[in-house]
Structure formats: C-alpha cells, structure tokens
C-alpha cells in the first residue's frame, strides 16, 4: 500500500486534499500519471497546501462574483415576443441558449449551461427558471413568453 495526497475528488476513494492508502499499482499506473494524486512526501505536502490555499482563494472570489451577480438578477425578468398559434402553442421554442443570450443583451454575463431549463418552453405563459451561477448560488428568473402582435 502507498500513501497519496489526492489533488482531485475521486468517487469511492476520497476528496481533494485527503491522504489515502491505495495499492501501489493503482497509484503508479493511474492516479499519479493522471495528476489525480501525489506521493505523500513532506515536500509534496507543503506544495499541495500552498496550491490548496490559492485554489480556495480563487473559489471564494468566484463565489463572491456569483453572489453579486445573483443580487443584480434578483427580481429581473426577460420577455420573449414570439409567434404562436391560437391555442398558445409556439412556432418554435424558447431554449436555455435563448434565455442566456437575452440576459447577455441586458448586460448580464450568464452562460447557457447555467440556465437550468429542463425542457424548451413551447407555450405562452410566465415561467420561473432557475439559474445556477455557482454550486452555492442559485437565483430564480421570471421568463415571460408572450404572443407577437
């Protein structure tokens, strides 16, 4: 058995920063070459602690940026004026990419993958769409889909 410091989370093994015991072949052939683990030497422990401090600072900065963006997005809504049939069915749909693009034109930098729209919107109405800006930060956005006149 070999002692390693994990640099990334590994399911059923441990989280980043933990010291784990693994078989020598698993460490030598997979974890170390993939950059997932480091041998648990004194020098590696020190360099990993320095690296972890930098990563934690960067993560805190990202979380703060996400919180400030969520405060700006709170209460904001977007409206789509689209062609629709008499029963309220859209000719086409409103997708997560459309919502992200509309937010971009409103001055908010939101990627399509942050918009958690399960299925494209295909009917007229008002929808609450969650936008996950960070693992800890989510805001609900009102999306209005109205008929084009």
N, C-alpha and C. Protein backbone atom coordinates (compact mmCIF):
# COMPACT_ATOMS: atom_id res chain seq x y z
N UNK A 1 0.85 -1.18 0.00
CA UNK A 1 0.00 0.00 0.00
C UNK A 1 0.89 1.24 0.00
N UNK A 2 0.39 2.26 -0.71
CA UNK A 2 1.13 3.52 -0.85
C UNK A 2 0.23 4.65 -0.35
N UNK A 3 0.83 5.63 0.29
CA UNK A 3 0.07 6.78 0.78
C UNK A 3 0.17 7.91 -0.25
N UNK A 4 -1.01 8.44 -0.63
CA UNK A 4 -1.08 9.52 -1.63
C UNK A 4 -1.86 10.70 -1.09
N UNK A 5 -1.59 11.86 -1.66
CA UNK A 5 -2.39 13.06 -1.41
C UNK A 5 -3.24 13.25 -2.67
N UNK A 6 -4.57 13.26 -2.51
CA UNK A 6 -5.45 13.44 -3.66
C UNK A 6 -5.49 14.90 -4.07
N UNK A 7 -5.35 15.16 -5.37
CA UNK A 7 -5.45 16.52 -5.90
C UNK A 7 -6.84 16.82 -6.40
N UNK A 8 -7.62 15.78 -6.68
CA UNK A 8 -8.99 15.91 -7.17
C UNK A 8 -9.87 14.93 -6.41
N UNK A 9 -11.18 15.19 -6.41
CA UNK A 9 -12.12 14.25 -5.80
C UNK A 9 -12.17 12.97 -6.62
N UNK A 10 -12.16 11.83 -5.95
CA UNK A 10 -12.27 10.52 -6.60
C UNK A 10 -13.41 9.76 -5.93
N UNK A 11 -14.46 9.41 -6.69
CA UNK A 11 -15.57 8.67 -6.08
C UNK A 11 -15.08 7.38 -5.42
N UNK A 12 -15.63 7.07 -4.28
CA UNK A 12 -15.32 5.85 -3.51
C UNK A 12 -13.88 5.79 -3.02
N UNK A 13 -13.14 6.90 -3.10
CA UNK A 13 -11.78 6.91 -2.59
C UNK A 13 -11.56 8.07 -1.63
N UNK A 14 -11.90 9.28 -2.03
CA UNK A 14 -11.71 10.43 -1.15
C UNK A 14 -11.86 11.74 -1.87
N UNK A 15 -11.79 12.81 -1.09
CA UNK A 15 -11.92 14.16 -1.63
C UNK A 15 -10.54 14.79 -1.79
N UNK A 16 -10.48 15.84 -2.58
CA UNK A 16 -9.22 16.55 -2.82
C UNK A 16 -8.62 17.00 -1.49
N UNK A 17 -7.31 16.78 -1.34
CA UNK A 17 -6.61 17.19 -0.14
C UNK A 17 -6.47 16.11 0.91
N UNK A 18 -7.21 15.03 0.76
CA UNK A 18 -7.13 13.95 1.74
C UNK A 18 -5.93 13.06 1.46
N UNK A 19 -5.43 12.44 2.52
CA UNK A 19 -4.37 11.44 2.39
C UNK A 19 -5.07 10.08 2.39
N UNK A 20 -4.76 9.26 1.39
CA UNK A 20 -5.41 7.96 1.26
C UNK A 20 -4.35 6.87 1.06
N UNK A 21 -4.73 5.67 1.42
CA UNK A 21 -3.90 4.49 1.19
C UNK A 21 -4.47 3.75 -0.02
N UNK A 22 -3.64 3.53 -1.05
CA UNK A 22 -4.07 2.80 -2.24
C UNK A 22 -3.01 1.77 -2.59
N UNK A 23 -3.38 0.84 -3.42
CA UNK A 23 -2.41 -0.15 -3.87
C UNK A 23 -1.36 0.52 -4.75
N UNK A 24 -0.17 -0.01 -4.71
CA UNK A 24 0.96 0.59 -5.43
C UNK A 24 0.70 0.67 -6.93
N UNK A 25 0.12 -0.37 -7.51
CA UNK A 25 -0.13 -0.37 -8.96
C UNK A 25 -1.15 0.68 -9.37
N UNK A 26 -2.21 0.84 -8.57
CA UNK A 26 -3.24 1.85 -8.84
C UNK A 26 -2.63 3.25 -8.80
N UNK A 27 -1.77 3.49 -7.82
CA UNK A 27 -1.11 4.79 -7.72
C UNK A 27 -0.14 5.00 -8.87
N UNK A 28 0.71 4.02 -9.12
CA UNK A 28 1.77 4.15 -10.12
C UNK A 28 1.22 4.22 -11.55
N UNK A 29 0.17 3.44 -11.85
CA UNK A 29 -0.32 3.34 -13.22
C UNK A 29 -1.46 4.28 -13.56
N UNK A 30 -2.18 4.77 -12.56
CA UNK A 30 -3.33 5.61 -12.87
C UNK A 30 -3.33 6.96 -12.15
N UNK A 31 -3.34 6.93 -10.83
CA UNK A 31 -3.54 8.18 -10.08
C UNK A 31 -2.41 9.20 -10.30
N UNK A 32 -1.17 8.76 -10.23
CA UNK A 32 -0.05 9.70 -10.39
C UNK A 32 0.08 10.18 -11.83
N UNK A 33 0.04 9.30 -12.86
CA UNK A 33 0.15 9.80 -14.25
C UNK A 33 -0.99 10.73 -14.67
N UNK A 34 -2.19 10.51 -14.12
CA UNK A 34 -3.33 11.36 -14.46
C UNK A 34 -3.33 12.68 -13.70
N UNK A 35 -2.40 12.83 -12.76
CA UNK A 35 -2.32 14.06 -11.97
C UNK A 35 -3.37 14.12 -10.88
N UNK A 36 -3.96 12.98 -10.55
CA UNK A 36 -5.01 12.93 -9.53
C UNK A 36 -4.41 12.82 -8.14
N UNK A 37 -3.25 12.19 -8.04
CA UNK A 37 -2.63 12.00 -6.73
C UNK A 37 -1.15 12.30 -6.76
N UNK A 38 -0.61 12.63 -5.60
CA UNK A 38 0.82 12.87 -5.42
C UNK A 38 1.33 11.94 -4.32
N UNK A 39 2.55 11.43 -4.44
CA UNK A 39 3.12 10.66 -3.34
C UNK A 39 3.17 11.54 -2.09
N UNK A 40 2.88 10.96 -0.95
CA UNK A 40 2.76 11.73 0.29
C UNK A 40 4.13 11.99 0.92
N UNK A 41 4.99 12.72 0.22
CA UNK A 41 6.28 13.12 0.79
C UNK A 41 6.10 14.47 1.49
N UNK A 42 7.06 14.84 2.29
CA UNK A 42 6.97 16.10 3.02
C UNK A 42 6.93 17.30 2.06
N UNK A 43 7.76 17.26 1.02
CA UNK A 43 7.77 18.36 0.04
C UNK A 43 6.44 18.47 -0.70
N UNK A 44 5.85 17.35 -1.08
CA UNK A 44 4.56 17.36 -1.77
C UNK A 44 3.45 17.87 -0.86
N UNK A 45 3.52 17.53 0.42
CA UNK A 45 2.51 18.03 1.37
C UNK A 45 2.55 19.54 1.44
N UNK A 46 3.75 20.10 1.53
CA UNK A 46 3.89 21.56 1.63
C UNK A 46 3.43 22.24 0.36
N UNK A 47 3.87 21.74 -0.81
CA UNK A 47 3.46 22.37 -2.07
C UNK A 47 1.96 22.24 -2.29
N UNK A 48 1.38 21.11 -1.86
CA UNK A 48 -0.06 20.94 -2.02
C UNK A 48 -0.82 21.91 -1.13
N UNK A 49 -0.35 22.15 0.08
CA UNK A 49 -1.01 23.11 0.97
C UNK A 49 -0.98 24.51 0.36
N UNK A 50 0.14 24.89 -0.25
CA UNK A 50 0.23 26.20 -0.91
C UNK A 50 -0.75 26.27 -2.07
N UNK A 51 -0.79 25.21 -2.86
CA UNK A 51 -1.70 25.15 -4.02
C UNK A 51 -3.16 25.20 -3.55
N UNK A 52 -3.47 24.48 -2.47
CA UNK A 52 -4.84 24.45 -1.98
C UNK A 52 -5.28 25.83 -1.50
N UNK A 53 -4.38 26.56 -0.86
CA UNK A 53 -4.70 27.91 -0.40
C UNK A 53 -5.05 28.81 -1.58
N UNK A 54 -4.30 28.70 -2.67
CA UNK A 54 -4.59 29.50 -3.86
C UNK A 54 -5.92 29.10 -4.48
N UNK A 55 -6.20 27.81 -4.53
CA UNK A 55 -7.46 27.33 -5.11
C UNK A 55 -8.64 27.80 -4.26
N UNK A 56 -8.49 27.75 -2.93
CA UNK A 56 -9.57 28.21 -2.06
C UNK A 56 -9.83 29.70 -2.22
N UNK A 57 -8.78 30.50 -2.39
CA UNK A 57 -8.95 31.94 -2.63
C UNK A 57 -9.70 32.18 -3.94
N UNK A 58 -9.31 31.45 -4.99
CA UNK A 58 -9.98 31.59 -6.29
C UNK A 58 -11.44 31.17 -6.19
N UNK A 59 -11.73 30.09 -5.47
CA UNK A 59 -13.11 29.63 -5.31
C UNK A 59 -13.94 30.66 -4.55
N UNK A 60 -13.34 31.27 -3.53
CA UNK A 60 -14.04 32.30 -2.76
C UNK A 60 -14.34 33.52 -3.64
N UNK A 61 -13.39 33.88 -4.49
CA UNK A 61 -13.60 35.00 -5.41
C UNK A 61 -14.75 34.70 -6.38
N UNK A 62 -14.77 33.47 -6.93
CA UNK A 62 -15.86 33.08 -7.85
C UNK A 62 -17.20 33.11 -7.14
N UNK A 63 -17.25 32.61 -5.90
CA UNK A 63 -18.50 32.60 -5.13
C UNK A 63 -18.98 34.03 -4.88
N UNK A 64 -18.06 34.94 -4.55
CA UNK A 64 -18.44 36.33 -4.31
C UNK A 64 -18.98 36.98 -5.58
N UNK A 65 -18.33 36.70 -6.73
CA UNK A 65 -18.82 37.24 -8.00
C UNK A 65 -20.21 36.70 -8.32
N UNK A 66 -20.43 35.41 -8.06
CA UNK A 66 -21.74 34.81 -8.32
C UNK A 66 -22.81 35.42 -7.41
N UNK A 67 -22.46 35.68 -6.15
CA UNK A 67 -23.42 36.29 -5.23
C UNK A 67 -23.79 37.70 -5.68
N UNK A 68 -22.80 38.48 -6.14
CA UNK A 68 -23.11 39.84 -6.58
C UNK A 68 -23.97 39.81 -7.84
N UNK A 69 -23.68 38.87 -8.76
CA UNK A 69 -24.50 38.75 -9.97
C UNK A 69 -25.91 38.30 -9.62
N UNK A 70 -26.06 37.41 -8.63
CA UNK A 70 -27.40 36.95 -8.25
C UNK A 70 -28.19 38.09 -7.63
N UNK A 71 -27.52 38.97 -6.89
CA UNK A 71 -28.21 40.13 -6.32
C UNK A 71 -28.72 41.05 -7.41
N UNK A 72 -27.95 41.19 -8.49
CA UNK A 72 -28.39 42.01 -9.62
C UNK A 72 -29.54 41.35 -10.38
N UNK A 73 -29.47 40.02 -10.51
CA UNK A 73 -30.50 39.28 -11.25
C UNK A 73 -31.80 39.12 -10.46
N UNK A 74 -31.72 39.23 -9.13
CA UNK A 74 -32.90 39.06 -8.29
C UNK A 74 -33.98 40.05 -8.71
N UNK A 75 -35.14 39.55 -9.04
CA UNK A 75 -36.25 40.40 -9.46
C UNK A 75 -36.22 40.78 -10.93
N UNK A 76 -35.17 40.41 -11.65
CA UNK A 76 -35.07 40.71 -13.08
C UNK A 76 -35.91 39.70 -13.85
N UNK A 77 -36.50 40.13 -14.95
CA UNK A 77 -37.26 39.20 -15.79
C UNK A 77 -36.92 39.47 -17.24
N UNK A 78 -37.11 38.46 -18.06
CA UNK A 78 -36.89 38.61 -19.50
C UNK A 78 -38.19 38.28 -20.22
N UNK A 79 -38.41 38.96 -21.33
CA UNK A 79 -39.63 38.78 -22.10
C UNK A 79 -39.28 38.38 -23.52
N UNK A 80 -39.97 37.36 -24.01
CA UNK A 80 -39.81 36.92 -25.38
C UNK A 80 -41.13 37.13 -26.09
N UNK A 81 -41.09 37.86 -27.18
CA UNK A 81 -42.26 38.07 -28.02
C UNK A 81 -42.11 37.14 -29.22
N UNK A 82 -42.96 36.10 -29.27
CA UNK A 82 -42.81 35.06 -30.27
C UNK A 82 -44.12 34.81 -31.01
N UNK A 83 -43.99 34.21 -32.18
CA UNK A 83 -45.18 33.82 -32.94
C UNK A 83 -45.79 32.59 -32.30
N UNK A 84 -47.11 32.59 -32.19
CA UNK A 84 -47.79 31.46 -31.57
C UNK A 84 -49.12 31.20 -32.27
N UNK A 85 -49.57 29.96 -32.17
CA UNK A 85 -50.85 29.58 -32.73
C UNK A 85 -51.99 30.04 -31.83
N UNK A 86 -53.22 29.74 -32.24
CA UNK A 86 -54.38 30.20 -31.48
C UNK A 86 -54.49 29.54 -30.11
N UNK A 87 -53.98 28.36 -29.95
CA UNK A 87 -54.07 27.64 -28.68
C UNK A 87 -52.91 27.97 -27.73
N UNK A 88 -52.03 28.88 -28.13
CA UNK A 88 -50.91 29.26 -27.29
C UNK A 88 -49.64 28.46 -27.56
N UNK A 89 -49.68 27.57 -28.55
CA UNK A 89 -48.50 26.80 -28.92
C UNK A 89 -47.56 27.69 -29.73
N UNK A 90 -46.27 27.63 -29.39
CA UNK A 90 -45.29 28.45 -30.10
C UNK A 90 -44.91 27.79 -31.43
N UNK A 91 -44.58 28.63 -32.40
CA UNK A 91 -43.96 28.15 -33.63
C UNK A 91 -42.45 28.16 -33.36
N UNK A 92 -41.95 27.08 -32.78
CA UNK A 92 -40.57 27.02 -32.33
C UNK A 92 -40.57 26.85 -30.82
N UNK A 93 -39.52 27.31 -30.17
CA UNK A 93 -39.44 27.20 -28.71
C UNK A 93 -38.46 28.23 -28.16
N UNK A 94 -38.50 28.41 -26.86
CA UNK A 94 -37.55 29.26 -26.16
C UNK A 94 -36.64 28.32 -25.37
N UNK A 95 -35.34 28.38 -25.65
CA UNK A 95 -34.39 27.46 -25.03
C UNK A 95 -33.50 28.18 -24.01
N UNK A 96 -32.70 27.39 -23.33
CA UNK A 96 -31.75 27.95 -22.36
C UNK A 96 -30.77 28.90 -23.04
N UNK A 97 -30.38 28.55 -24.27
CA UNK A 97 -29.47 29.42 -25.02
C UNK A 97 -30.12 30.77 -25.33
N UNK A 98 -31.42 30.75 -25.65
CA UNK A 98 -32.15 32.00 -25.92
C UNK A 98 -32.19 32.87 -24.66
N UNK A 99 -32.43 32.24 -23.52
CA UNK A 99 -32.51 32.99 -22.26
C UNK A 99 -31.14 33.59 -21.92
N UNK A 100 -30.08 32.82 -22.09
CA UNK A 100 -28.73 33.31 -21.81
C UNK A 100 -28.38 34.47 -22.75
N UNK A 101 -28.76 34.34 -24.02
CA UNK A 101 -28.50 35.41 -24.99
C UNK A 101 -29.24 36.68 -24.63
N UNK A 102 -30.51 36.55 -24.21
CA UNK A 102 -31.31 37.70 -23.81
C UNK A 102 -30.71 38.36 -22.57
N UNK A 103 -30.25 37.56 -21.61
CA UNK A 103 -29.59 38.12 -20.43
C UNK A 103 -28.31 38.85 -20.82
N UNK A 104 -27.58 38.29 -21.80
CA UNK A 104 -26.37 38.94 -22.30
C UNK A 104 -26.67 40.30 -22.91
N UNK A 105 -27.77 40.39 -23.66
CA UNK A 105 -28.14 41.67 -24.26
C UNK A 105 -28.62 42.66 -23.20
N UNK A 106 -29.06 42.15 -22.03
CA UNK A 106 -29.46 43.02 -20.92
C UNK A 106 -28.27 43.42 -20.06
N UNK A 107 -27.07 42.92 -20.39
CA UNK A 107 -25.87 43.31 -19.67
C UNK A 107 -25.41 42.33 -18.61
N UNK A 108 -25.98 41.13 -18.57
CA UNK A 108 -25.58 40.11 -17.60
C UNK A 108 -24.79 39.02 -18.31
N UNK A 109 -23.66 38.65 -17.75
CA UNK A 109 -22.81 37.62 -18.33
C UNK A 109 -23.20 36.26 -17.74
N UNK A 110 -24.08 35.54 -18.43
CA UNK A 110 -24.56 34.24 -17.97
C UNK A 110 -24.40 33.25 -19.11
N UNK A 111 -23.74 32.12 -18.81
CA UNK A 111 -23.57 31.10 -19.83
C UNK A 111 -24.82 30.24 -19.94
N UNK A 112 -25.01 29.63 -21.09
CA UNK A 112 -26.18 28.80 -21.36
C UNK A 112 -26.28 27.64 -20.36
N UNK A 113 -25.15 27.06 -20.00
CA UNK A 113 -25.18 25.90 -19.11
C UNK A 113 -25.61 26.25 -17.69
N UNK A 114 -25.60 27.52 -17.33
CA UNK A 114 -26.05 27.94 -16.01
C UNK A 114 -27.58 28.00 -15.93
N UNK A 115 -28.25 28.14 -17.07
CA UNK A 115 -29.71 28.22 -17.11
C UNK A 115 -30.26 26.80 -17.04
N UNK A 116 -30.95 26.48 -15.95
CA UNK A 116 -31.42 25.11 -15.70
C UNK A 116 -32.85 24.95 -16.19
N UNK A 117 -33.01 24.97 -17.49
CA UNK A 117 -34.30 24.78 -18.13
C UNK A 117 -34.38 23.32 -18.56
N UNK A 118 -35.29 22.54 -17.94
CA UNK A 118 -35.35 21.11 -18.22
C UNK A 118 -35.75 20.82 -19.66
N UNK A 119 -36.82 21.45 -20.12
CA UNK A 119 -37.29 21.28 -21.50
C UNK A 119 -37.49 22.66 -22.10
N UNK A 120 -37.33 22.79 -23.41
CA UNK A 120 -37.59 24.09 -24.04
C UNK A 120 -39.04 24.52 -23.80
N UNK A 121 -39.24 25.82 -23.69
CA UNK A 121 -40.59 26.36 -23.48
C UNK A 121 -41.31 26.37 -24.82
N UNK A 122 -42.51 25.77 -24.89
CA UNK A 122 -43.23 25.64 -26.14
C UNK A 122 -44.63 26.24 -26.09
N UNK A 123 -44.97 26.91 -24.97
CA UNK A 123 -46.28 27.53 -24.84
C UNK A 123 -46.15 28.92 -24.26
N UNK A 124 -47.15 29.75 -24.52
CA UNK A 124 -47.17 31.10 -23.95
C UNK A 124 -47.35 30.99 -22.44
N UNK A 125 -46.83 31.96 -21.72
CA UNK A 125 -47.01 31.97 -20.28
C UNK A 125 -45.84 32.61 -19.54
N UNK A 126 -45.90 32.51 -18.22
CA UNK A 126 -44.85 33.03 -17.36
C UNK A 126 -44.20 31.83 -16.67
N UNK A 127 -42.89 31.77 -16.72
CA UNK A 127 -42.15 30.63 -16.19
C UNK A 127 -41.10 31.09 -15.19
N UNK A 128 -40.90 30.30 -14.14
CA UNK A 128 -39.81 30.52 -13.20
C UNK A 128 -38.68 29.58 -13.60
N UNK A 129 -37.56 30.17 -14.01
CA UNK A 129 -36.43 29.38 -14.49
C UNK A 129 -35.25 29.57 -13.54
N UNK A 130 -34.76 28.47 -12.94
CA UNK A 130 -33.60 28.60 -12.06
C UNK A 130 -32.32 28.83 -12.86
N UNK A 131 -31.48 29.71 -12.35
CA UNK A 131 -30.17 29.99 -12.95
C UNK A 131 -29.14 29.71 -11.87
N UNK A 132 -28.32 28.69 -12.07
CA UNK A 132 -27.30 28.32 -11.08
C UNK A 132 -25.99 28.98 -11.49
N UNK A 133 -25.61 30.02 -10.76
CA UNK A 133 -24.41 30.78 -11.07
C UNK A 133 -23.16 30.16 -10.46
N UNK A 134 -23.35 29.38 -9.41
CA UNK A 134 -22.25 28.73 -8.69
C UNK A 134 -22.87 27.55 -7.95
N UNK A 135 -22.06 26.65 -7.47
CA UNK A 135 -22.58 25.49 -6.75
C UNK A 135 -23.41 25.91 -5.54
N UNK A 136 -23.08 27.05 -4.94
CA UNK A 136 -23.79 27.53 -3.75
C UNK A 136 -24.79 28.65 -4.04
N UNK A 137 -24.82 29.14 -5.27
CA UNK A 137 -25.63 30.32 -5.59
C UNK A 137 -26.58 30.02 -6.74
N UNK A 138 -27.88 30.15 -6.45
CA UNK A 138 -28.89 29.95 -7.49
C UNK A 138 -29.94 31.05 -7.35
N UNK A 139 -30.41 31.56 -8.48
CA UNK A 139 -31.43 32.59 -8.48
C UNK A 139 -32.54 32.16 -9.44
N UNK A 140 -33.78 32.54 -9.13
CA UNK A 140 -34.91 32.19 -9.99
C UNK A 140 -35.25 33.40 -10.84
N UNK A 141 -35.31 33.17 -12.13
CA UNK A 141 -35.56 34.23 -13.11
C UNK A 141 -36.96 34.07 -13.69
N UNK A 142 -37.70 35.17 -13.80
CA UNK A 142 -39.02 35.14 -14.43
C UNK A 142 -38.84 35.29 -15.94
N UNK A 143 -39.43 34.36 -16.69
CA UNK A 143 -39.37 34.39 -18.14
C UNK A 143 -40.80 34.52 -18.64
N UNK A 144 -41.06 35.61 -19.34
CA UNK A 144 -42.37 35.88 -19.92
C UNK A 144 -42.32 35.51 -21.39
N UNK A 145 -43.24 34.68 -21.83
CA UNK A 145 -43.36 34.32 -23.24
C UNK A 145 -44.71 34.81 -23.69
N UNK A 146 -44.70 35.86 -24.53
CA UNK A 146 -45.95 36.49 -24.97
C UNK A 146 -46.07 36.40 -26.48
N UNK A 147 -47.30 36.52 -26.96
CA UNK A 147 -47.57 36.42 -28.40
C UNK A 147 -47.13 37.69 -29.10
N UNK A 148 -46.53 37.50 -30.25
CA UNK A 148 -46.09 38.61 -31.09
C UNK A 148 -47.32 39.26 -31.71
N UNK A 149 -47.33 40.56 -31.81
CA UNK A 149 -48.51 41.25 -32.38
C UNK A 149 -48.24 41.74 -33.76
